[in-house]
Amino acid sequence: MAAAFALGRLNHVAIAVPDIRAASETYRKLLGATISAIEDQPAHGVQTVFIELPNTKIELLGVLGDASPIRAFLEKSPAGGIHHVCYEVADIEAARDHLVAQGARVLGDGKPRIGAHGKPVLFLHPKDFCGTLVELEEA
């Protein structure tokens, strides 16, 4: 029997940026943030940097390759902006099944993929969540 669905804590807010190195420096210099190294995520077409906060993380997303989903986002918003929010769930497949049964749409083929933290993730259609792209990550 699948676990009951419950939305967990906010894992991170992702911000698409046109220059991930410059954005990282801005967070480090102006805000005194502790930032991770830039990591390529070829399966997702992005580069990532994580900024650790006491209660959550900020993920900076940069373009990686011509098919990067961040490229299209930055064409619409050249200065960058909030790309998605990520919530934790205990059982990603149970969460998916519950949400789909309620009418939510999962992007892609509906199967969890391994995300930047090495854990299964899914993305939910922004039209179903007040215009916000939602990522679920199994905690």
N, C-alpha and C. Protein backbone atom coordinates (compact mmCIF):
# COMPACT_ATOMS: atom_id res chain seq x y z
N MET A 1 0.84 -1.18 0.00
CA MET A 1 0.00 0.00 0.00
C MET A 1 0.89 1.24 0.00
N ALA A 2 0.57 2.21 -0.87
CA ALA A 2 1.36 3.43 -0.99
C ALA A 2 1.15 4.33 0.23
N ALA A 3 2.20 5.07 0.57
CA ALA A 3 2.10 6.00 1.69
C ALA A 3 1.14 7.13 1.34
N ALA A 4 0.47 7.68 2.33
CA ALA A 4 -0.42 8.81 2.11
C ALA A 4 0.41 10.03 1.70
N PHE A 5 -0.16 10.85 0.85
CA PHE A 5 0.54 12.03 0.38
C PHE A 5 0.52 13.13 1.43
N ALA A 6 1.67 13.74 1.65
CA ALA A 6 1.78 14.92 2.50
C ALA A 6 2.90 15.79 1.94
N LEU A 7 2.60 17.06 1.75
CA LEU A 7 3.60 17.99 1.27
C LEU A 7 4.59 18.28 2.39
N GLY A 8 5.88 18.18 2.09
CA GLY A 8 6.91 18.42 3.08
C GLY A 8 7.41 19.86 3.06
N ARG A 9 8.60 20.04 3.57
CA ARG A 9 9.17 21.39 3.70
C ARG A 9 9.63 21.92 2.34
N LEU A 10 9.81 23.23 2.28
CA LEU A 10 10.38 23.87 1.10
C LEU A 10 11.85 23.47 1.03
N ASN A 11 12.25 22.83 -0.06
CA ASN A 11 13.64 22.41 -0.22
C ASN A 11 14.48 23.55 -0.79
N HIS A 12 13.97 24.18 -1.86
CA HIS A 12 14.70 25.32 -2.44
C HIS A 12 13.81 26.14 -3.36
N VAL A 13 14.28 27.36 -3.61
CA VAL A 13 13.71 28.22 -4.64
C VAL A 13 14.79 28.34 -5.71
N ALA A 14 14.41 28.08 -6.96
CA ALA A 14 15.39 28.11 -8.06
C ALA A 14 15.25 29.41 -8.84
N ILE A 15 16.39 30.02 -9.11
CA ILE A 15 16.43 31.28 -9.86
C ILE A 15 17.27 31.06 -11.11
N ALA A 16 16.66 31.29 -12.28
CA ALA A 16 17.39 31.21 -13.54
C ALA A 16 18.22 32.48 -13.68
N VAL A 17 19.46 32.32 -14.11
CA VAL A 17 20.38 33.46 -14.23
C VAL A 17 21.10 33.41 -15.57
N PRO A 18 21.36 34.58 -16.17
CA PRO A 18 22.06 34.59 -17.46
C PRO A 18 23.55 34.28 -17.34
N ASP A 19 24.14 34.55 -16.17
CA ASP A 19 25.57 34.32 -15.95
C ASP A 19 25.73 33.75 -14.54
N ILE A 20 25.89 32.44 -14.46
CA ILE A 20 25.90 31.77 -13.15
C ILE A 20 27.11 32.17 -12.30
N ARG A 21 28.24 32.45 -12.94
CA ARG A 21 29.42 32.89 -12.17
C ARG A 21 29.18 34.27 -11.55
N ALA A 22 28.67 35.19 -12.36
CA ALA A 22 28.39 36.54 -11.86
C ALA A 22 27.32 36.50 -10.77
N ALA A 23 26.29 35.69 -10.96
CA ALA A 23 25.23 35.59 -9.95
C ALA A 23 25.79 35.02 -8.65
N SER A 24 26.64 34.02 -8.75
CA SER A 24 27.26 33.43 -7.56
C SER A 24 28.06 34.48 -6.80
N GLU A 25 28.82 35.27 -7.53
CA GLU A 25 29.63 36.33 -6.90
C GLU A 25 28.74 37.37 -6.23
N THR A 26 27.63 37.71 -6.87
CA THR A 26 26.69 38.67 -6.28
C THR A 26 26.20 38.17 -4.94
N TYR A 27 25.78 36.91 -4.87
CA TYR A 27 25.31 36.36 -3.61
C TYR A 27 26.42 36.29 -2.58
N ARG A 28 27.64 35.95 -3.02
CA ARG A 28 28.76 35.84 -2.09
C ARG A 28 29.18 37.21 -1.57
N LYS A 29 29.40 38.16 -2.49
CA LYS A 29 29.91 39.48 -2.10
C LYS A 29 28.87 40.35 -1.41
N LEU A 30 27.70 40.49 -2.02
CA LEU A 30 26.72 41.43 -1.49
C LEU A 30 25.95 40.88 -0.29
N LEU A 31 25.69 39.58 -0.28
CA LEU A 31 24.88 39.00 0.79
C LEU A 31 25.68 38.15 1.76
N GLY A 32 26.97 37.93 1.46
CA GLY A 32 27.80 37.13 2.35
C GLY A 32 27.41 35.67 2.39
N ALA A 33 26.80 35.19 1.33
CA ALA A 33 26.28 33.82 1.29
C ALA A 33 27.39 32.80 1.09
N THR A 34 27.17 31.63 1.65
CA THR A 34 28.02 30.47 1.39
C THR A 34 27.45 29.78 0.16
N ILE A 35 28.29 29.65 -0.86
CA ILE A 35 27.82 29.08 -2.13
C ILE A 35 28.60 27.82 -2.46
N SER A 36 27.94 26.91 -3.16
CA SER A 36 28.60 25.68 -3.61
C SER A 36 29.37 25.96 -4.89
N ALA A 37 30.11 24.99 -5.33
CA ALA A 37 30.76 25.07 -6.64
C ALA A 37 29.70 24.95 -7.72
N ILE A 38 30.01 25.43 -8.91
CA ILE A 38 29.13 25.26 -10.06
C ILE A 38 29.22 23.80 -10.50
N GLU A 39 28.06 23.19 -10.67
CA GLU A 39 28.01 21.80 -11.12
C GLU A 39 27.18 21.68 -12.38
N ASP A 40 27.70 20.96 -13.36
CA ASP A 40 26.95 20.66 -14.57
C ASP A 40 25.97 19.53 -14.29
N GLN A 41 24.75 19.70 -14.77
CA GLN A 41 23.70 18.68 -14.66
C GLN A 41 23.25 18.35 -16.09
N PRO A 42 24.06 17.59 -16.85
CA PRO A 42 23.77 17.37 -18.26
C PRO A 42 22.42 16.70 -18.53
N ALA A 43 21.94 15.87 -17.63
CA ALA A 43 20.64 15.22 -17.84
C ALA A 43 19.49 16.22 -17.81
N HIS A 44 19.73 17.39 -17.19
CA HIS A 44 18.69 18.40 -17.08
C HIS A 44 19.00 19.65 -17.91
N GLY A 45 20.18 19.71 -18.53
CA GLY A 45 20.53 20.85 -19.36
C GLY A 45 20.78 22.13 -18.58
N VAL A 46 21.26 21.98 -17.35
CA VAL A 46 21.50 23.16 -16.52
C VAL A 46 22.83 23.05 -15.77
N GLN A 47 23.29 24.20 -15.32
CA GLN A 47 24.36 24.26 -14.32
C GLN A 47 23.68 24.71 -13.04
N THR A 48 24.18 24.23 -11.90
CA THR A 48 23.58 24.61 -10.63
C THR A 48 24.63 25.11 -9.65
N VAL A 49 24.18 26.02 -8.81
CA VAL A 49 24.92 26.49 -7.64
C VAL A 49 23.89 26.53 -6.51
N PHE A 50 24.26 26.02 -5.35
CA PHE A 50 23.35 26.08 -4.20
C PHE A 50 23.87 27.05 -3.17
N ILE A 51 22.96 27.87 -2.67
CA ILE A 51 23.24 28.83 -1.62
C ILE A 51 22.53 28.30 -0.37
N GLU A 52 23.29 27.97 0.64
CA GLU A 52 22.73 27.40 1.87
C GLU A 52 22.23 28.52 2.79
N LEU A 53 20.99 28.38 3.22
CA LEU A 53 20.39 29.30 4.18
C LEU A 53 20.01 28.49 5.42
N PRO A 54 19.77 29.14 6.54
CA PRO A 54 19.41 28.38 7.75
C PRO A 54 18.14 27.54 7.61
N ASN A 55 17.18 27.99 6.77
CA ASN A 55 15.91 27.30 6.70
C ASN A 55 15.59 26.67 5.34
N THR A 56 16.43 26.89 4.33
CA THR A 56 16.21 26.34 2.99
C THR A 56 17.44 26.60 2.14
N LYS A 57 17.29 26.49 0.83
CA LYS A 57 18.38 26.77 -0.11
C LYS A 57 17.84 27.62 -1.26
N ILE A 58 18.74 28.34 -1.90
CA ILE A 58 18.48 28.99 -3.18
C ILE A 58 19.31 28.23 -4.19
N GLU A 59 18.70 27.89 -5.32
CA GLU A 59 19.41 27.21 -6.40
C GLU A 59 19.52 28.19 -7.56
N LEU A 60 20.74 28.49 -7.96
CA LEU A 60 20.95 29.29 -9.16
C LEU A 60 21.06 28.33 -10.33
N LEU A 61 20.32 28.62 -11.40
CA LEU A 61 20.30 27.77 -12.59
C LEU A 61 20.89 28.52 -13.78
N GLY A 62 21.89 27.92 -14.41
CA GLY A 62 22.48 28.48 -15.61
C GLY A 62 22.27 27.56 -16.79
N VAL A 63 22.45 28.10 -17.96
CA VAL A 63 22.27 27.36 -19.21
C VAL A 63 23.42 26.35 -19.38
N LEU A 64 23.06 25.14 -19.79
CA LEU A 64 24.04 24.13 -20.16
C LEU A 64 23.56 23.47 -21.45
N GLY A 65 24.15 23.89 -22.56
CA GLY A 65 23.80 23.32 -23.86
C GLY A 65 22.65 24.04 -24.55
N ASP A 66 22.53 23.78 -25.85
CA ASP A 66 21.53 24.45 -26.68
C ASP A 66 20.10 24.08 -26.31
N ALA A 67 19.88 22.89 -25.77
CA ALA A 67 18.52 22.43 -25.44
C ALA A 67 18.14 22.75 -23.99
N SER A 68 18.93 23.56 -23.32
CA SER A 68 18.66 23.88 -21.91
C SER A 68 17.29 24.53 -21.75
N PRO A 69 16.49 24.05 -20.79
CA PRO A 69 15.20 24.70 -20.53
C PRO A 69 15.37 26.12 -19.98
N ILE A 70 16.53 26.41 -19.46
CA ILE A 70 16.80 27.75 -18.94
C ILE A 70 16.98 28.76 -20.06
N ARG A 71 17.46 28.32 -21.22
CA ARG A 71 17.65 29.20 -22.36
C ARG A 71 16.32 29.86 -22.76
N ALA A 72 15.26 29.05 -22.90
CA ALA A 72 13.94 29.59 -23.27
C ALA A 72 13.42 30.54 -22.19
N PHE A 73 13.62 30.20 -20.93
CA PHE A 73 13.20 31.06 -19.83
C PHE A 73 13.88 32.42 -19.93
N LEU A 74 15.20 32.40 -20.19
CA LEU A 74 15.96 33.65 -20.25
C LEU A 74 15.65 34.47 -21.49
N GLU A 75 15.16 33.83 -22.55
CA GLU A 75 14.72 34.60 -23.73
C GLU A 75 13.52 35.45 -23.37
N LYS A 76 12.65 34.94 -22.50
CA LYS A 76 11.47 35.69 -22.06
C LYS A 76 11.81 36.67 -20.95
N SER A 77 12.78 36.33 -20.12
CA SER A 77 13.19 37.15 -18.97
C SER A 77 14.71 37.25 -18.97
N PRO A 78 15.29 38.11 -19.81
CA PRO A 78 16.75 38.15 -19.98
C PRO A 78 17.55 38.42 -18.71
N ALA A 79 16.99 39.10 -17.74
CA ALA A 79 17.71 39.37 -16.49
C ALA A 79 17.64 38.19 -15.53
N GLY A 80 16.81 37.19 -15.86
CA GLY A 80 16.63 36.04 -14.97
C GLY A 80 15.40 36.20 -14.11
N GLY A 81 15.20 35.28 -13.19
CA GLY A 81 14.06 35.35 -12.29
C GLY A 81 13.77 34.00 -11.66
N ILE A 82 12.75 33.99 -10.82
CA ILE A 82 12.37 32.74 -10.16
C ILE A 82 11.87 31.75 -11.20
N HIS A 83 12.47 30.58 -11.22
CA HIS A 83 12.14 29.54 -12.19
C HIS A 83 11.18 28.52 -11.62
N HIS A 84 11.44 28.04 -10.39
CA HIS A 84 10.55 27.06 -9.75
C HIS A 84 10.77 27.03 -8.24
N VAL A 85 9.81 26.39 -7.56
CA VAL A 85 9.96 26.10 -6.15
C VAL A 85 9.97 24.58 -6.00
N CYS A 86 10.73 24.09 -5.03
CA CYS A 86 10.85 22.65 -4.81
C CYS A 86 10.40 22.30 -3.41
N TYR A 87 9.46 21.36 -3.34
CA TYR A 87 8.96 20.86 -2.06
C TYR A 87 9.38 19.41 -1.87
N GLU A 88 9.63 19.05 -0.65
CA GLU A 88 9.98 17.66 -0.33
C GLU A 88 8.72 16.83 -0.13
N VAL A 89 8.79 15.58 -0.52
CA VAL A 89 7.74 14.59 -0.27
C VAL A 89 8.41 13.31 0.18
N ALA A 90 7.73 12.54 1.02
CA ALA A 90 8.32 11.31 1.55
C ALA A 90 8.37 10.21 0.49
N ASP A 91 7.36 10.15 -0.36
CA ASP A 91 7.26 9.10 -1.38
C ASP A 91 6.83 9.76 -2.68
N ILE A 92 7.76 9.94 -3.59
CA ILE A 92 7.48 10.71 -4.80
C ILE A 92 6.44 10.04 -5.69
N GLU A 93 6.44 8.71 -5.75
CA GLU A 93 5.46 8.03 -6.59
C GLU A 93 4.05 8.14 -5.99
N ALA A 94 3.94 8.04 -4.68
CA ALA A 94 2.64 8.22 -4.02
C ALA A 94 2.15 9.65 -4.22
N ALA A 95 3.06 10.62 -4.12
CA ALA A 95 2.70 12.02 -4.34
C ALA A 95 2.22 12.22 -5.78
N ARG A 96 2.96 11.67 -6.72
CA ARG A 96 2.57 11.77 -8.14
C ARG A 96 1.18 11.17 -8.36
N ASP A 97 0.97 9.97 -7.85
CA ASP A 97 -0.30 9.29 -8.06
C ASP A 97 -1.46 10.08 -7.45
N HIS A 98 -1.25 10.61 -6.26
CA HIS A 98 -2.28 11.42 -5.59
C HIS A 98 -2.59 12.67 -6.41
N LEU A 99 -1.56 13.37 -6.84
CA LEU A 99 -1.75 14.62 -7.57
C LEU A 99 -2.40 14.39 -8.93
N VAL A 100 -1.98 13.35 -9.64
CA VAL A 100 -2.57 13.03 -10.94
C VAL A 100 -4.05 12.67 -10.75
N ALA A 101 -4.37 11.92 -9.71
CA ALA A 101 -5.77 11.57 -9.43
C ALA A 101 -6.62 12.81 -9.15
N GLN A 102 -5.96 13.88 -8.67
CA GLN A 102 -6.66 15.13 -8.39
C GLN A 102 -6.69 16.07 -9.60
N GLY A 103 -6.08 15.63 -10.72
CA GLY A 103 -6.11 16.43 -11.94
C GLY A 103 -4.85 17.20 -12.27
N ALA A 104 -3.83 17.10 -11.44
CA ALA A 104 -2.57 17.80 -11.72
C ALA A 104 -1.81 17.08 -12.84
N ARG A 105 -1.03 17.85 -13.59
CA ARG A 105 -0.24 17.29 -14.68
C ARG A 105 1.24 17.24 -14.32
N VAL A 106 1.83 16.09 -14.56
CA VAL A 106 3.27 15.91 -14.35
C VAL A 106 3.94 16.13 -15.70
N LEU A 107 5.01 16.90 -15.70
CA LEU A 107 5.73 17.16 -16.95
C LEU A 107 6.59 15.96 -17.33
N GLY A 108 6.91 15.85 -18.61
CA GLY A 108 7.73 14.75 -19.11
C GLY A 108 6.93 13.47 -19.17
N ASP A 109 7.62 12.37 -18.97
CA ASP A 109 6.96 11.06 -19.07
C ASP A 109 6.30 10.61 -17.76
N GLY A 110 6.37 11.45 -16.73
CA GLY A 110 5.72 11.11 -15.46
C GLY A 110 6.56 10.24 -14.54
N LYS A 111 7.73 9.83 -15.02
CA LYS A 111 8.60 9.00 -14.20
C LYS A 111 9.62 9.89 -13.48
N PRO A 112 9.86 9.63 -12.19
CA PRO A 112 10.87 10.42 -11.48
C PRO A 112 12.25 10.27 -12.13
N ARG A 113 12.98 11.37 -12.14
CA ARG A 113 14.37 11.38 -12.59
C ARG A 113 15.25 11.78 -11.42
N ILE A 114 16.51 11.48 -11.53
CA ILE A 114 17.44 11.86 -10.45
C ILE A 114 17.81 13.34 -10.65
N GLY A 115 17.61 14.12 -9.58
CA GLY A 115 17.87 15.55 -9.63
C GLY A 115 19.26 15.92 -9.14
N ALA A 116 19.48 17.21 -8.97
CA ALA A 116 20.79 17.75 -8.59
C ALA A 116 21.28 17.27 -7.23
N HIS A 117 20.36 16.86 -6.34
CA HIS A 117 20.76 16.35 -5.03
C HIS A 117 20.92 14.84 -5.01
N GLY A 118 20.81 14.20 -6.19
CA GLY A 118 20.94 12.75 -6.25
C GLY A 118 19.69 12.02 -5.79
N LYS A 119 18.56 12.71 -5.73
CA LYS A 119 17.30 12.12 -5.27
C LYS A 119 16.26 12.22 -6.38
N PRO A 120 15.24 11.35 -6.36
CA PRO A 120 14.20 11.39 -7.39
C PRO A 120 13.41 12.71 -7.35
N VAL A 121 13.15 13.26 -8.55
CA VAL A 121 12.39 14.50 -8.68
C VAL A 121 11.35 14.37 -9.81
N LEU A 122 10.32 15.18 -9.70
CA LEU A 122 9.30 15.35 -10.74
C LEU A 122 8.97 16.83 -10.82
N PHE A 123 8.50 17.28 -11.99
CA PHE A 123 8.03 18.65 -12.14
C PHE A 123 6.55 18.63 -12.48
N LEU A 124 5.82 19.58 -11.90
CA LEU A 124 4.39 19.70 -12.09
C LEU A 124 4.08 20.95 -12.93
N HIS A 125 3.08 20.83 -13.78
CA HIS A 125 2.75 21.90 -14.73
C HIS A 125 2.40 23.20 -14.00
N PRO A 126 3.01 24.32 -14.41
CA PRO A 126 2.73 25.59 -13.73
C PRO A 126 1.27 26.03 -13.83
N LYS A 127 0.56 25.64 -14.88
CA LYS A 127 -0.84 26.05 -15.01
C LYS A 127 -1.71 25.43 -13.93
N ASP A 128 -1.24 24.36 -13.31
CA ASP A 128 -2.00 23.72 -12.24
C ASP A 128 -1.67 24.28 -10.86
N PHE A 129 -0.63 25.15 -10.78
CA PHE A 129 -0.17 25.66 -9.48
C PHE A 129 0.05 27.17 -9.54
N CYS A 130 -0.99 27.88 -9.91
CA CYS A 130 -1.00 29.34 -9.87
C CYS A 130 0.11 29.98 -10.68
N GLY A 131 0.49 29.35 -11.80
CA GLY A 131 1.53 29.90 -12.66
C GLY A 131 2.94 29.60 -12.21
N THR A 132 3.11 28.73 -11.23
CA THR A 132 4.44 28.41 -10.69
C THR A 132 4.83 26.98 -11.04
N LEU A 133 5.99 26.82 -11.65
CA LEU A 133 6.55 25.49 -11.88
C LEU A 133 6.92 24.91 -10.52
N VAL A 134 6.45 23.70 -10.24
CA VAL A 134 6.70 23.05 -8.94
C VAL A 134 7.54 21.80 -9.18
N GLU A 135 8.60 21.68 -8.41
CA GLU A 135 9.41 20.46 -8.39
C GLU A 135 9.11 19.73 -7.08
N LEU A 136 8.95 18.42 -7.17
CA LEU A 136 8.86 17.59 -5.98
C LEU A 136 10.12 16.77 -5.88
N GLU A 137 10.69 16.70 -4.68
CA GLU A 137 11.90 15.91 -4.46
C GLU A 137 11.64 14.95 -3.31
N GLU A 138 11.98 13.68 -3.54
CA GLU A 138 11.81 12.70 -2.47
C GLU A 138 12.84 12.94 -1.38
N ALA A 139 12.36 13.09 -0.17
CA ALA A 139 13.27 13.39 0.96
C ALA A 139 13.71 12.11 1.65
